[in-house]
Amino acid sequence: PMAMINTFEMMPPGQALPNLRPRPGVRFGRPLDFSEYYGQEDDREV
């Protein structure tokens, strides 16, 4: 999982030039484990 932080405030859609504040950034989370669902990629509920 990956989360962009403050990039909306820095440069919202439609704005040509970025704002100098607030400070943008990115956060990377720990890997997610979906091994229990392997082989079920055609199951819509899964």
PDB file of all heavy atoms in Angstrom:
ATOM      1  N   PRO A   1       0.839  -1.201   0.000  1.00  0.00           N
ATOM      2  CA  PRO A   1       0.000   0.000   0.000  1.00  0.00           C
ATOM      3  C   PRO A   1       0.873   1.250   0.000  1.00  0.00           C
ATOM      4  O   PRO A   1       1.937   1.279   0.623  1.00  0.00           O
ATOM      5  CB  PRO A   1      -0.824  -0.130   1.288  1.00  0.00           C
ATOM      6  CG  PRO A   1       0.005  -1.002   2.181  1.00  0.00           C
ATOM      7  CD  PRO A   1       0.747  -1.942   1.280  1.00  0.00           C
ATOM      8  N   MET A   2       0.404   2.268  -0.695  1.00  0.00           N
ATOM      9  CA  MET A   2       1.204   3.488  -0.906  1.00  0.00           C
ATOM     10  C   MET A   2       0.257   4.683  -0.828  1.00  0.00           C
ATOM     11  O   MET A   2      -0.777   4.700  -1.497  1.00  0.00           O
ATOM     12  CB  MET A   2       1.867   3.370  -2.288  1.00  0.00           C
ATOM     13  CG  MET A   2       2.568   4.574  -2.822  1.00  0.00           C
ATOM     14  SD  MET A   2       3.273   4.131  -4.460  1.00  0.00           S
ATOM     15  CE  MET A   2       3.754   5.763  -5.043  1.00  0.00           C
ATOM     16  N   ALA A   3       0.590   5.664  -0.025  1.00  0.00           N
ATOM     17  CA  ALA A   3      -0.304   6.812   0.174  1.00  0.00           C
ATOM     18  C   ALA A   3       0.401   8.111  -0.145  1.00  0.00           C
ATOM     19  O   ALA A   3       1.430   8.436   0.465  1.00  0.00           O
ATOM     20  CB  ALA A   3      -0.826   6.833   1.611  1.00  0.00           C
ATOM     21  N   MET A   4      -0.154   8.855  -1.097  1.00  0.00           N
ATOM     22  CA  MET A   4       0.353  10.193  -1.390  1.00  0.00           C
ATOM     23  C   MET A   4      -0.220  11.154  -0.353  1.00  0.00           C
ATOM     24  O   MET A   4      -1.413  11.103  -0.029  1.00  0.00           O
ATOM     25  CB  MET A   4      -0.055  10.626  -2.790  1.00  0.00           C
ATOM     26  CG  MET A   4       0.440   9.711  -3.910  1.00  0.00           C
ATOM     27  SD  MET A   4       2.214   9.385  -3.873  1.00  0.00           S
ATOM     28  CE  MET A   4       2.876  11.058  -3.868  1.00  0.00           C
ATOM     29  N   ILE A   5       0.634  12.033   0.162  1.00  0.00           N
ATOM     30  CA  ILE A   5       0.259  12.950   1.231  1.00  0.00           C
ATOM     31  C   ILE A   5       0.438  14.394   0.763  1.00  0.00           C
ATOM     32  O   ILE A   5       1.498  14.769   0.240  1.00  0.00           O
ATOM     33  CB  ILE A   5       1.120  12.715   2.488  1.00  0.00           C
ATOM     34  CG1 ILE A   5       1.076  11.237   2.915  1.00  0.00           C
ATOM     35  CG2 ILE A   5       0.667  13.630   3.621  1.00  0.00           C
ATOM     36  CD1 ILE A   5      -0.291  10.737   3.307  1.00  0.00           C
ATOM     37  N   ASN A   6      -0.607  15.196   0.925  1.00  0.00           N
ATOM     38  CA  ASN A   6      -0.563  16.646   0.660  1.00  0.00           C
ATOM     39  C   ASN A   6      -0.349  17.029  -0.808  1.00  0.00           C
ATOM     40  O   ASN A   6      -0.134  18.208  -1.099  1.00  0.00           O
ATOM     41  CB  ASN A   6       0.511  17.335   1.509  1.00  0.00           C
ATOM     42  CG  ASN A   6       0.137  17.396   2.981  1.00  0.00           C
ATOM     43  OD1 ASN A   6      -1.040  17.360   3.332  1.00  0.00           O
ATOM     44  ND2 ASN A   6       1.141  17.475   3.838  1.00  0.00           N
ATOM     45  N   THR A   7      -0.387  16.084  -1.721  1.00  0.00           N
ATOM     46  CA  THR A   7      -0.202  16.461  -3.128  1.00  0.00           C
ATOM     47  C   THR A   7      -1.448  17.157  -3.680  1.00  0.00           C
ATOM     48  O   THR A   7      -1.340  17.952  -4.620  1.00  0.00           O
ATOM     49  CB  THR A   7       0.141  15.241  -3.990  1.00  0.00           C
ATOM     50  OG1 THR A   7      -0.821  14.203  -3.782  1.00  0.00           O
ATOM     51  CG2 THR A   7       1.532  14.718  -3.653  1.00  0.00           C
ATOM     52  N   PHE A   8      -2.612  16.881  -3.088  1.00  0.00           N
ATOM     53  CA  PHE A   8      -3.823  17.573  -3.532  1.00  0.00           C
ATOM     54  C   PHE A   8      -3.734  19.052  -3.191  1.00  0.00           C
ATOM     55  O   PHE A   8      -4.031  19.920  -4.016  1.00  0.00           O
ATOM     56  CB  PHE A   8      -5.063  16.955  -2.896  1.00  0.00           C
ATOM     57  CG  PHE A   8      -6.358  17.562  -3.380  1.00  0.00           C
ATOM     58  CD1 PHE A   8      -6.990  17.068  -4.504  1.00  0.00           C
ATOM     59  CD2 PHE A   8      -6.942  18.637  -2.715  1.00  0.00           C
ATOM     60  CE1 PHE A   8      -8.172  17.619  -4.966  1.00  0.00           C
ATOM     61  CE2 PHE A   8      -8.116  19.206  -3.165  1.00  0.00           C
ATOM     62  CZ  PHE A   8      -8.738  18.696  -4.296  1.00  0.00           C
ATOM     63  N   GLU A   9      -3.311  19.362  -1.966  1.00  0.00           N
ATOM     64  CA  GLU A   9      -3.169  20.754  -1.561  1.00  0.00           C
ATOM     65  C   GLU A   9      -2.044  21.449  -2.335  1.00  0.00           C
ATOM     66  O   GLU A   9      -2.119  22.642  -2.621  1.00  0.00           O
ATOM     67  CB  GLU A   9      -2.871  20.838  -0.062  1.00  0.00           C
ATOM     68  CG  GLU A   9      -4.008  20.380   0.837  1.00  0.00           C
ATOM     69  CD  GLU A   9      -3.980  18.887   1.083  1.00  0.00           C
ATOM     70  OE1 GLU A   9      -3.228  18.160   0.394  1.00  0.00           O
ATOM     71  OE2 GLU A   9      -4.720  18.438   1.969  1.00  0.00           O
ATOM     72  N   MET A  10      -1.026  20.695  -2.662  1.00  0.00           N
ATOM     73  CA  MET A  10       0.102  21.259  -3.390  1.00  0.00           C
ATOM     74  C   MET A  10      -0.268  21.614  -4.826  1.00  0.00           C
ATOM     75  O   MET A  10       0.084  22.678  -5.330  1.00  0.00           O
ATOM     76  CB  MET A  10       1.259  20.260  -3.389  1.00  0.00           C
ATOM     77  CG  MET A  10       2.429  20.672  -4.256  1.00  0.00           C
ATOM     78  SD  MET A  10       3.548  19.289  -4.523  1.00  0.00           S
ATOM     79  CE  MET A  10       4.540  19.963  -5.853  1.00  0.00           C
ATOM     80  N   MET A  11      -1.003  20.699  -5.490  1.00  0.00           N
ATOM     81  CA  MET A  11      -1.351  20.929  -6.893  1.00  0.00           C
ATOM     82  C   MET A  11      -2.669  20.227  -7.213  1.00  0.00           C
ATOM     83  O   MET A  11      -2.679  19.140  -7.792  1.00  0.00           O
ATOM     84  CB  MET A  11      -0.237  20.418  -7.811  1.00  0.00           C
ATOM     85  CG  MET A  11      -0.367  20.861  -9.250  1.00  0.00           C
ATOM     86  SD  MET A  11       1.105  20.343 -10.207  1.00  0.00           S
ATOM     87  CE  MET A  11       0.667  21.012 -11.820  1.00  0.00           C
ATOM     88  N   PRO A  12      -3.789  20.835  -6.840  1.00  0.00           N
ATOM     89  CA  PRO A  12      -5.087  20.208  -7.106  1.00  0.00           C
ATOM     90  C   PRO A  12      -5.362  20.112  -8.596  1.00  0.00           C
ATOM     91  O   PRO A  12      -4.777  20.858  -9.394  1.00  0.00           O
ATOM     92  CB  PRO A  12      -6.079  21.157  -6.415  1.00  0.00           C
ATOM     93  CG  PRO A  12      -5.368  22.459  -6.334  1.00  0.00           C
ATOM     94  CD  PRO A  12      -3.914  22.129  -6.168  1.00  0.00           C
ATOM     95  N   PRO A  13      -6.233  19.192  -9.012  1.00  0.00           N
ATOM     96  CA  PRO A  13      -6.559  19.045 -10.430  1.00  0.00           C
ATOM     97  C   PRO A  13      -7.014  20.368 -11.045  1.00  0.00           C
ATOM     98  O   PRO A  13      -7.791  21.113 -10.440  1.00  0.00           O
ATOM     99  CB  PRO A  13      -7.691  18.019 -10.423  1.00  0.00           C
ATOM    100  CG  PRO A  13      -7.451  17.214  -9.187  1.00  0.00           C
ATOM    101  CD  PRO A  13      -6.913  18.189  -8.184  1.00  0.00           C
ATOM    102  N   GLY A  14      -6.496  20.673 -12.234  1.00  0.00           N
ATOM    103  CA  GLY A  14      -6.864  21.897 -12.924  1.00  0.00           C
ATOM    104  C   GLY A  14      -5.941  23.061 -12.661  1.00  0.00           C
ATOM    105  O   GLY A  14      -6.025  24.083 -13.355  1.00  0.00           O
ATOM    106  N   GLN A  15      -5.085  22.928 -11.670  1.00  0.00           N
ATOM    107  CA  GLN A  15      -4.142  24.014 -11.362  1.00  0.00           C
ATOM    108  C   GLN A  15      -2.843  23.786 -12.129  1.00  0.00           C
ATOM    109  O   GLN A  15      -2.251  22.711 -12.066  1.00  0.00           O
ATOM    110  CB  GLN A  15      -3.868  24.073  -9.860  1.00  0.00           C
ATOM    111  CG  GLN A  15      -2.925  25.195  -9.451  1.00  0.00           C
ATOM    112  CD  GLN A  15      -2.862  25.382  -7.946  1.00  0.00           C
ATOM    113  OE1 GLN A  15      -3.900  25.501  -7.282  1.00  0.00           O
ATOM    114  NE2 GLN A  15      -1.659  25.382  -7.388  1.00  0.00           N
ATOM    115  N   ALA A  16      -2.388  24.805 -12.853  1.00  0.00           N
ATOM    116  CA  ALA A  16      -1.223  24.659 -13.729  1.00  0.00           C
ATOM    117  C   ALA A  16       0.093  24.635 -12.977  1.00  0.00           C
ATOM    118  O   ALA A  16       1.010  23.899 -13.339  1.00  0.00           O
ATOM    119  CB  ALA A  16      -1.215  25.779 -14.766  1.00  0.00           C
ATOM    120  N   LEU A  17       0.209  25.449 -11.926  1.00  0.00           N
ATOM    121  CA  LEU A  17       1.463  25.556 -11.197  1.00  0.00           C
ATOM    122  C   LEU A  17       1.290  25.090  -9.754  1.00  0.00           C
ATOM    123  O   LEU A  17       0.257  25.351  -9.133  1.00  0.00           O
ATOM    124  CB  LEU A  17       1.965  27.000 -11.208  1.00  0.00           C
ATOM    125  CG  LEU A  17       2.316  27.572 -12.599  1.00  0.00           C
ATOM    126  CD1 LEU A  17       2.694  29.039 -12.474  1.00  0.00           C
ATOM    127  CD2 LEU A  17       3.433  26.768 -13.255  1.00  0.00           C
ATOM    128  N   PRO A  18       2.286  24.405  -9.207  1.00  0.00           N
ATOM    129  CA  PRO A  18       2.166  23.892  -7.830  1.00  0.00           C
ATOM    130  C   PRO A  18       2.325  24.980  -6.788  1.00  0.00           C
ATOM    131  O   PRO A  18       3.009  25.981  -7.005  1.00  0.00           O
ATOM    132  CB  PRO A  18       3.324  22.886  -7.748  1.00  0.00           C
ATOM    133  CG  PRO A  18       4.345  23.415  -8.705  1.00  0.00           C
ATOM    134  CD  PRO A  18       3.555  24.009  -9.841  1.00  0.00           C
ATOM    135  N   ASN A  19       1.684  24.781  -5.638  1.00  0.00           N
ATOM    136  CA  ASN A  19       1.891  25.643  -4.482  1.00  0.00           C
ATOM    137  C   ASN A  19       3.183  25.232  -3.779  1.00  0.00           C
ATOM    138  O   ASN A  19       3.589  24.066  -3.822  1.00  0.00           O
ATOM    139  CB  ASN A  19       0.716  25.514  -3.507  1.00  0.00           C
ATOM    140  CG  ASN A  19      -0.600  25.890  -4.152  1.00  0.00           C
ATOM    141  OD1 ASN A  19      -0.687  26.884  -4.858  1.00  0.00           O
ATOM    142  ND2 ASN A  19      -1.630  25.084  -3.921  1.00  0.00           N
ATOM    143  N   LEU A  20       3.825  26.162  -3.121  1.00  0.00           N
ATOM    144  CA  LEU A  20       5.078  25.855  -2.441  1.00  0.00           C
ATOM    145  C   LEU A  20       4.864  25.176  -1.090  1.00  0.00           C
ATOM    146  O   LEU A  20       5.782  24.598  -0.538  1.00  0.00           O
ATOM    147  CB  LEU A  20       5.896  27.139  -2.251  1.00  0.00           C
ATOM    148  CG  LEU A  20       6.378  27.797  -3.550  1.00  0.00           C
ATOM    149  CD1 LEU A  20       7.181  29.048  -3.231  1.00  0.00           C
ATOM    150  CD2 LEU A  20       7.215  26.816  -4.368  1.00  0.00           C
ATOM    151  N   ARG A  21       3.678  25.263  -0.554  1.00  0.00           N
ATOM    152  CA  ARG A  21       3.326  24.599   0.692  1.00  0.00           C
ATOM    153  C   ARG A  21       1.900  24.081   0.570  1.00  0.00           C
ATOM    154  O   ARG A  21       1.123  24.623  -0.207  1.00  0.00           O
ATOM    155  CB  ARG A  21       3.445  25.578   1.879  1.00  0.00           C
ATOM    156  CG  ARG A  21       4.888  25.978   2.180  1.00  0.00           C
ATOM    157  CD  ARG A  21       5.679  24.770   2.743  1.00  0.00           C
ATOM    158  NE  ARG A  21       7.059  25.145   3.053  1.00  0.00           N
ATOM    159  CZ  ARG A  21       8.063  25.035   2.194  1.00  0.00           C
ATOM    160  NH1 ARG A  21       7.831  24.595   0.959  1.00  0.00           N
ATOM    161  NH2 ARG A  21       9.292  25.368   2.547  1.00  0.00           N
ATOM    162  N   PRO A  22       1.523  23.031   1.305  1.00  0.00           N
ATOM    163  CA  PRO A  22       2.275  22.330   2.336  1.00  0.00           C
ATOM    164  C   PRO A  22       3.261  21.314   1.753  1.00  0.00           C
ATOM    165  O   PRO A  22       3.340  21.144   0.529  1.00  0.00           O
ATOM    166  CB  PRO A  22       1.178  21.617   3.117  1.00  0.00           C
ATOM    167  CG  PRO A  22       0.137  21.337   2.090  1.00  0.00           C
ATOM    168  CD  PRO A  22       0.163  22.510   1.164  1.00  0.00           C
ATOM    169  N   ARG A  23       3.973  20.622   2.638  1.00  0.00           N
ATOM    170  CA  ARG A  23       4.981  19.667   2.211  1.00  0.00           C
ATOM    171  C   ARG A  23       4.326  18.377   1.718  1.00  0.00           C
ATOM    172  O   ARG A  23       3.562  17.743   2.443  1.00  0.00           O
ATOM    173  CB  ARG A  23       5.933  19.359   3.363  1.00  0.00           C
ATOM    174  CG  ARG A  23       6.761  20.546   3.817  1.00  0.00           C
ATOM    175  CD  ARG A  23       7.453  20.282   5.132  1.00  0.00           C
ATOM    176  NE  ARG A  23       8.414  19.185   5.028  1.00  0.00           N
ATOM    177  CZ  ARG A  23       9.119  18.723   6.070  1.00  0.00           C
ATOM    178  NH1 ARG A  23       8.937  19.260   7.275  1.00  0.00           N
ATOM    179  NH2 ARG A  23       9.979  17.748   5.916  1.00  0.00           N
ATOM    180  N   PRO A  24       4.608  17.969   0.489  1.00  0.00           N
ATOM    181  CA  PRO A  24       4.069  16.703  -0.016  1.00  0.00           C
ATOM    182  C   PRO A  24       4.921  15.531   0.462  1.00  0.00           C
ATOM    183  O   PRO A  24       5.980  15.721   1.074  1.00  0.00           O
ATOM    184  CB  PRO A  24       4.181  16.880  -1.532  1.00  0.00           C
ATOM    185  CG  PRO A  24       5.413  17.715  -1.695  1.00  0.00           C
ATOM    186  CD  PRO A  24       5.421  18.662  -0.510  1.00  0.00           C
ATOM    187  N   GLY A  25       4.469  14.333   0.167  1.00  0.00           N
ATOM    188  CA  GLY A  25       5.253  13.157   0.524  1.00  0.00           C
ATOM    189  C   GLY A  25       4.529  11.881   0.169  1.00  0.00           C
ATOM    190  O   GLY A  25       3.426  11.894  -0.386  1.00  0.00           O
ATOM    191  N   VAL A  26       5.160  10.757   0.483  1.00  0.00           N
ATOM    192  CA  VAL A  26       4.572   9.449   0.217  1.00  0.00           C
ATOM    193  C   VAL A  26       4.903   8.524   1.382  1.00  0.00           C
ATOM    194  O   VAL A  26       5.979   8.609   1.988  1.00  0.00           O
ATOM    195  CB  VAL A  26       5.105   8.862  -1.116  1.00  0.00           C
ATOM    196  CG1 VAL A  26       6.623   8.729  -1.092  1.00  0.00           C
ATOM    197  CG2 VAL A  26       4.443   7.530  -1.431  1.00  0.00           C
ATOM    198  N   ARG A  27       3.944   7.662   1.709  1.00  0.00           N
ATOM    199  CA  ARG A  27       4.134   6.670   2.752  1.00  0.00           C
ATOM    200  C   ARG A  27       3.918   5.284   2.157  1.00  0.00           C
ATOM    201  O   ARG A  27       2.917   5.050   1.472  1.00  0.00           O
ATOM    202  CB  ARG A  27       3.139   6.883   3.894  1.00  0.00           C
ATOM    203  CG  ARG A  27       3.286   8.208   4.621  1.00  0.00           C
ATOM    204  CD  ARG A  27       2.122   8.427   5.576  1.00  0.00           C
ATOM    205  NE  ARG A  27       2.203   9.750   6.222  1.00  0.00           N
ATOM    206  CZ  ARG A  27       1.176  10.342   6.818  1.00  0.00           C
ATOM    207  NH1 ARG A  27      -0.022   9.735   6.874  1.00  0.00           N
ATOM    208  NH2 ARG A  27       1.326  11.542   7.367  1.00  0.00           N
ATOM    209  N   PHE A  28       4.845   4.384   2.430  1.00  0.00           N
ATOM    210  CA  PHE A  28       4.733   3.001   1.978  1.00  0.00           C
ATOM    211  C   PHE A  28       4.429   2.121   3.181  1.00  0.00           C
ATOM    212  O   PHE A  28       5.139   2.163   4.193  1.00  0.00           O
ATOM    213  CB  PHE A  28       6.025   2.541   1.311  1.00  0.00           C
ATOM    214  CG  PHE A  28       6.401   3.336   0.087  1.00  0.00           C
ATOM    215  CD1 PHE A  28       7.300   4.389   0.175  1.00  0.00           C
ATOM    216  CD2 PHE A  28       5.847   3.035  -1.144  1.00  0.00           C
ATOM    217  CE1 PHE A  28       7.652   5.124  -0.945  1.00  0.00           C
ATOM    218  CE2 PHE A  28       6.186   3.765  -2.276  1.00  0.00           C
ATOM    219  CZ  PHE A  28       7.084   4.813  -2.174  1.00  0.00           C
ATOM    220  N   GLY A  29       3.360   1.327   3.068  1.00  0.00           N
ATOM    221  CA  GLY A  29       2.988   0.459   4.173  1.00  0.00           C
ATOM    222  C   GLY A  29       3.595  -0.925   4.057  1.00  0.00           C
ATOM    223  O   GLY A  29       4.270  -1.262   3.079  1.00  0.00           O
ATOM    224  N   ARG A  30       3.359  -1.741   5.060  1.00  0.00           N
ATOM    225  CA  ARG A  30       3.852  -3.112   5.050  1.00  0.00           C
ATOM    226  C   ARG A  30       3.104  -3.932   4.000  1.00  0.00           C
ATOM    227  O   ARG A  30       1.939  -3.687   3.725  1.00  0.00           O
ATOM    228  CB  ARG A  30       3.675  -3.739   6.430  1.00  0.00           C
ATOM    229  CG  ARG A  30       4.522  -3.089   7.521  1.00  0.00           C
ATOM    230  CD  ARG A  30       4.335  -3.792   8.850  1.00  0.00           C
ATOM    231  NE  ARG A  30       5.177  -3.177   9.890  1.00  0.00           N
ATOM    232  CZ  ARG A  30       5.205  -3.597  11.144  1.00  0.00           C
ATOM    233  NH1 ARG A  30       4.422  -4.613  11.525  1.00  0.00           N
ATOM    234  NH2 ARG A  30       6.002  -2.997  12.014  1.00  0.00           N
ATOM    235  N   PRO A  31       3.793  -4.943   3.419  1.00  0.00           N
ATOM    236  CA  PRO A  31       3.151  -5.775   2.393  1.00  0.00           C
ATOM    237  C   PRO A  31       1.880  -6.439   2.920  1.00  0.00           C
ATOM    238  O   PRO A  31       1.814  -6.867   4.076  1.00  0.00           O
ATOM    239  CB  PRO A  31       4.224  -6.815   2.061  1.00  0.00           C
ATOM    240  CG  PRO A  31       5.516  -6.164   2.444  1.00  0.00           C
ATOM    241  CD  PRO A  31       5.200  -5.310   3.648  1.00  0.00           C
ATOM    242  N   LEU A  32       0.872  -6.501   2.064  1.00  0.00           N
ATOM    243  CA  LEU A  32      -0.390  -7.164   2.394  1.00  0.00           C
ATOM    244  C   LEU A  32      -0.339  -8.612   1.925  1.00  0.00           C
ATOM    245  O   LEU A  32       0.177  -8.906   0.844  1.00  0.00           O
ATOM    246  CB  LEU A  32      -1.553  -6.432   1.716  1.00  0.00           C
ATOM    247  CG  LEU A  32      -1.680  -4.935   2.030  1.00  0.00           C
ATOM    248  CD1 LEU A  32      -2.808  -4.322   1.197  1.00  0.00           C
ATOM    249  CD2 LEU A  32      -1.931  -4.718   3.514  1.00  0.00           C
ATOM    250  N   ASP A  33      -0.880  -9.509   2.718  1.00  0.00           N
ATOM    251  CA  ASP A  33      -0.829 -10.948   2.406  1.00  0.00           C
ATOM    252  C   ASP A  33      -2.213 -11.423   1.956  1.00  0.00           C
ATOM    253  O   ASP A  33      -3.157 -11.438   2.742  1.00  0.00           O
ATOM    254  CB  ASP A  33      -0.365 -11.729   3.637  1.00  0.00           C
ATOM    255  CG  ASP A  33      -0.272 -13.229   3.366  1.00  0.00           C
ATOM    256  OD1 ASP A  33      -0.330 -13.629   2.180  1.00  0.00           O
ATOM    257  OD2 ASP A  33      -0.154 -13.996   4.335  1.00  0.00           O
ATOM    258  N   PHE A  34      -2.303 -11.811   0.687  1.00  0.00           N
ATOM    259  CA  PHE A  34      -3.562 -12.325   0.147  1.00  0.00           C
ATOM    260  C   PHE A  34      -3.418 -13.769  -0.313  1.00  0.00           C
ATOM    261  O   PHE A  34      -4.188 -14.244  -1.155  1.00  0.00           O
ATOM    262  CB  PHE A  34      -4.026 -11.454  -1.027  1.00  0.00           C
ATOM    263  CG  PHE A  34      -4.329 -10.033  -0.636  1.00  0.00           C
ATOM    264  CD1 PHE A  34      -3.571  -8.988  -1.142  1.00  0.00           C
ATOM    265  CD2 PHE A  34      -5.349  -9.747   0.246  1.00  0.00           C
ATOM    266  CE1 PHE A  34      -3.845  -7.677  -0.783  1.00  0.00           C
ATOM    267  CE2 PHE A  34      -5.635  -8.436   0.617  1.00  0.00           C
ATOM    268  CZ  PHE A  34      -4.876  -7.401   0.103  1.00  0.00           C
ATOM    269  N   SER A  35      -2.445 -14.486   0.234  1.00  0.00           N
ATOM    270  CA  SER A  35      -2.168 -15.852  -0.218  1.00  0.00           C
ATOM    271  C   SER A  35      -3.362 -16.789  -0.011  1.00  0.00           C
ATOM    272  O   SER A  35      -3.521 -17.760  -0.750  1.00  0.00           O
ATOM    273  CB  SER A  35      -0.939 -16.411   0.504  1.00  0.00           C
ATOM    274  OG  SER A  35      -1.102 -16.369   1.912  1.00  0.00           O
ATOM    275  N   GLU A  36      -4.212 -16.481   0.967  1.00  0.00           N
ATOM    276  CA  GLU A  36      -5.370 -17.352   1.208  1.00  0.00           C
ATOM    277  C   GLU A  36      -6.383 -17.299   0.067  1.00  0.00           C
ATOM    278  O   GLU A  36      -7.250 -18.173  -0.048  1.00  0.00           O
ATOM    279  CB  GLU A  36      -6.058 -16.975   2.518  1.00  0.00           C
ATOM    280  CG  GLU A  36      -6.651 -15.564   2.532  1.00  0.00           C
ATOM    281  CD  GLU A  36      -7.344 -15.238   3.836  1.00  0.00           C
ATOM    282  OE1 GLU A  36      -8.327 -15.933   4.182  1.00  0.00           O
ATOM    283  OE2 GLU A  36      -6.900 -14.300   4.520  1.00  0.00           O
ATOM    284  N   TYR A  37      -6.260 -16.286  -0.796  1.00  0.00           N
ATOM    285  CA  TYR A  37      -7.198 -16.139  -1.909  1.00  0.00           C
ATOM    286  C   TYR A  37      -6.591 -16.521  -3.263  1.00  0.00           C
ATOM    287  O   TYR A  37      -7.242 -16.370  -4.292  1.00  0.00           O
ATOM    288  CB  TYR A  37      -7.687 -14.690  -1.991  1.00  0.00           C
ATOM    289  CG  TYR A  37      -8.350 -14.201  -0.733  1.00  0.00           C
ATOM    290  CD1 TYR A  37      -7.788 -13.176   0.026  1.00  0.00           C
ATOM    291  CD2 TYR A  37      -9.546 -14.770  -0.287  1.00  0.00           C
ATOM    292  CE1 TYR A  37      -8.400 -12.719   1.184  1.00  0.00           C
ATOM    293  CE2 TYR A  37     -10.162 -14.328   0.875  1.00  0.00           C
ATOM    294  CZ  TYR A  37      -9.576 -13.297   1.599  1.00  0.00           C
ATOM    295  OH  TYR A  37     -10.182 -12.849   2.753  1.00  0.00           O
ATOM    296  N   TYR A  38      -5.350 -17.014  -3.264  1.00  0.00           N
ATOM    297  CA  TYR A  38      -4.722 -17.383  -4.533  1.00  0.00           C
ATOM    298  C   TYR A  38      -5.571 -18.444  -5.248  1.00  0.00           C
ATOM    299  O   TYR A  38      -6.079 -19.373  -4.627  1.00  0.00           O
ATOM    300  CB  TYR A  38      -3.317 -17.927  -4.305  1.00  0.00           C
ATOM    301  CG  TYR A  38      -2.299 -16.876  -3.931  1.00  0.00           C
ATOM    302  CD1 TYR A  38      -1.042 -17.247  -3.458  1.00  0.00           C
ATOM    303  CD2 TYR A  38      -2.573 -15.526  -4.042  1.00  0.00           C
ATOM    304  CE1 TYR A  38      -0.097 -16.286  -3.106  1.00  0.00           C
ATOM    305  CE2 TYR A  38      -1.638 -14.560  -3.689  1.00  0.00           C
ATOM    306  CZ  TYR A  38      -0.400 -14.948  -3.219  1.00  0.00           C
ATOM    307  OH  TYR A  38       0.530 -14.004  -2.871  1.00  0.00           O
ATOM    308  N   GLY A  39      -5.707 -18.292  -6.553  1.00  0.00           N
ATOM    309  CA  GLY A  39      -6.511 -19.212  -7.346  1.00  0.00           C
ATOM    310  C   GLY A  39      -7.975 -18.834  -7.425  1.00  0.00           C
ATOM    311  O   GLY A  39      -8.754 -19.507  -8.096  1.00  0.00           O
ATOM    312  N   GLN A  40      -8.361 -17.730  -6.746  1.00  0.00           N
ATOM    313  CA  GLN A  40      -9.769 -17.314  -6.732  1.00  0.00           C
ATOM    314  C   GLN A  40      -9.968 -15.975  -7.437  1.00  0.00           C
ATOM    315  O   GLN A  40     -10.898 -15.237  -7.140  1.00  0.00           O
ATOM    316  CB  GLN A  40     -10.261 -17.206  -5.291  1.00  0.00           C
ATOM    317  CG  GLN A  40     -10.143 -18.494  -4.489  1.00  0.00           C
ATOM    318  CD  GLN A  40     -10.671 -18.342  -3.069  1.00  0.00           C
ATOM    319  OE1 GLN A  40     -11.833 -17.989  -2.845  1.00  0.00           O
ATOM    320  NE2 GLN A  40      -9.803 -18.601  -2.090  1.00  0.00           N
ATOM    321  N   GLU A  41      -9.083 -15.659  -8.403  1.00  0.00           N
ATOM    322  CA  GLU A  41      -9.157 -14.359  -9.063  1.00  0.00           C
ATOM    323  C   GLU A  41     -10.350 -14.193  -9.991  1.00  0.00           C
ATOM    324  O   GLU A  41     -10.561 -13.102 -10.537  1.00  0.00           O
ATOM    325  CB  GLU A  41      -7.863 -14.082  -9.834  1.00  0.00           C
ATOM    326  CG  GLU A  41      -7.469 -15.162 -10.792  1.00  0.00           C
ATOM    327  CD  GLU A  41      -6.475 -16.136 -10.178  1.00  0.00           C
ATOM    328  OE1 GLU A  41      -6.450 -16.278  -8.939  1.00  0.00           O
ATOM    329  OE2 GLU A  41      -5.732 -16.759 -10.951  1.00  0.00           O
ATOM    330  N   ASP A  42     -11.161 -15.240 -10.159  1.00  0.00           N
ATOM    331  CA  ASP A  42     -12.382 -15.121 -10.957  1.00  0.00           C
ATOM    332  C   ASP A  42     -13.637 -15.048 -10.086  1.00  0.00           C
ATOM    333  O   ASP A  42     -14.755 -14.989 -10.603  1.00  0.00           O
ATOM    334  CB  ASP A  42     -12.503 -16.307 -11.925  1.00  0.00           C
ATOM    335  CG  ASP A  42     -11.428 -16.281 -13.006  1.00  0.00           C
ATOM    336  OD1 ASP A  42     -11.055 -15.176 -13.435  1.00  0.00           O
ATOM    337  OD2 ASP A  42     -10.953 -17.362 -13.400  1.00  0.00           O
ATOM    338  N   ASP A  43     -13.461 -15.047  -8.784  1.00  0.00           N
ATOM    339  CA  ASP A  43     -14.578 -14.968  -7.842  1.00  0.00           C
ATOM    340  C   ASP A  43     -14.843 -13.495  -7.520  1.00  0.00           C
ATOM    341  O   ASP A  43     -14.022 -12.832  -6.889  1.00  0.00           O
ATOM    342  CB  ASP A  43     -14.234 -15.745  -6.566  1.00  0.00           C
ATOM    343  CG  ASP A  43     -15.410 -15.859  -5.606  1.00  0.00           C
ATOM    344  OD1 ASP A  43     -16.137 -14.855  -5.414  1.00  0.00           O
ATOM    345  OD2 ASP A  43     -15.598 -16.938  -5.011  1.00  0.00           O
ATOM    346  N   ARG A  44     -15.970 -12.972  -7.948  1.00  0.00           N
ATOM    347  CA  ARG A  44     -16.264 -11.549  -7.779  1.00  0.00           C
ATOM    348  C   ARG A  44     -16.326 -11.126  -6.316  1.00  0.00           C
ATOM    349  O   ARG A  44     -15.901 -10.029  -5.959  1.00  0.00           O
ATOM    350  CB  ARG A  44     -17.580 -11.191  -8.483  1.00  0.00           C
ATOM    351  CG  ARG A  44     -17.496 -11.241 -10.007  1.00  0.00           C
ATOM    352  CD  ARG A  44     -18.783 -10.757 -10.639  1.00  0.00           C
ATOM    353  NE  ARG A  44     -18.674 -10.697 -12.083  1.00  0.00           N
ATOM    354  CZ  ARG A  44     -18.215  -9.644 -12.759  1.00  0.00           C
ATOM    355  NH1 ARG A  44     -17.825  -8.571 -12.111  1.00  0.00           N
ATOM    356  NH2 ARG A  44     -18.147  -9.662 -14.076  1.00  0.00           N
ATOM    357  N   GLU A  45     -16.870 -11.983  -5.471  1.00  0.00           N
ATOM    358  CA  GLU A  45     -16.942 -11.645  -4.048  1.00  0.00           C
ATOM    359  C   GLU A  45     -15.540 -11.553  -3.435  1.00  0.00           C
ATOM    360  O   GLU A  45     -15.265 -10.652  -2.631  1.00  0.00           O
ATOM    361  CB  GLU A  45     -17.784 -12.682  -3.306  1.00  0.00           C
ATOM    362  CG  GLU A  45     -19.269 -12.642  -3.664  1.00  0.00           C
ATOM    363  CD  GLU A  45     -20.088 -13.575  -2.793  1.00  0.00           C
ATOM    364  OE1 GLU A  45     -19.512 -14.192  -1.872  1.00  0.00           O
ATOM    365  OE2 GLU A  45     -21.306 -13.681  -3.034  1.00  0.00           O
ATOM    366  N   VAL A  46     -14.677 -12.467  -3.817  1.00  0.00           N
ATOM    367  CA  VAL A  46     -13.301 -12.428  -3.331  1.00  0.00           C
ATOM    368  C   VAL A  46     -12.596 -11.176  -3.833  1.00  0.00           C
ATOM    369  O   VAL A  46     -11.879 -10.493  -3.083  1.00  0.00           O
ATOM    370  CB  VAL A  46     -12.530 -13.694  -3.762  1.00  0.00           C
ATOM    371  CG1 VAL A  46     -11.033 -13.525  -3.506  1.00  0.00           C
ATOM    372  CG2 VAL A  46     -13.051 -14.916  -3.024  1.00  0.00           C
TER     373      VAL A  46
END
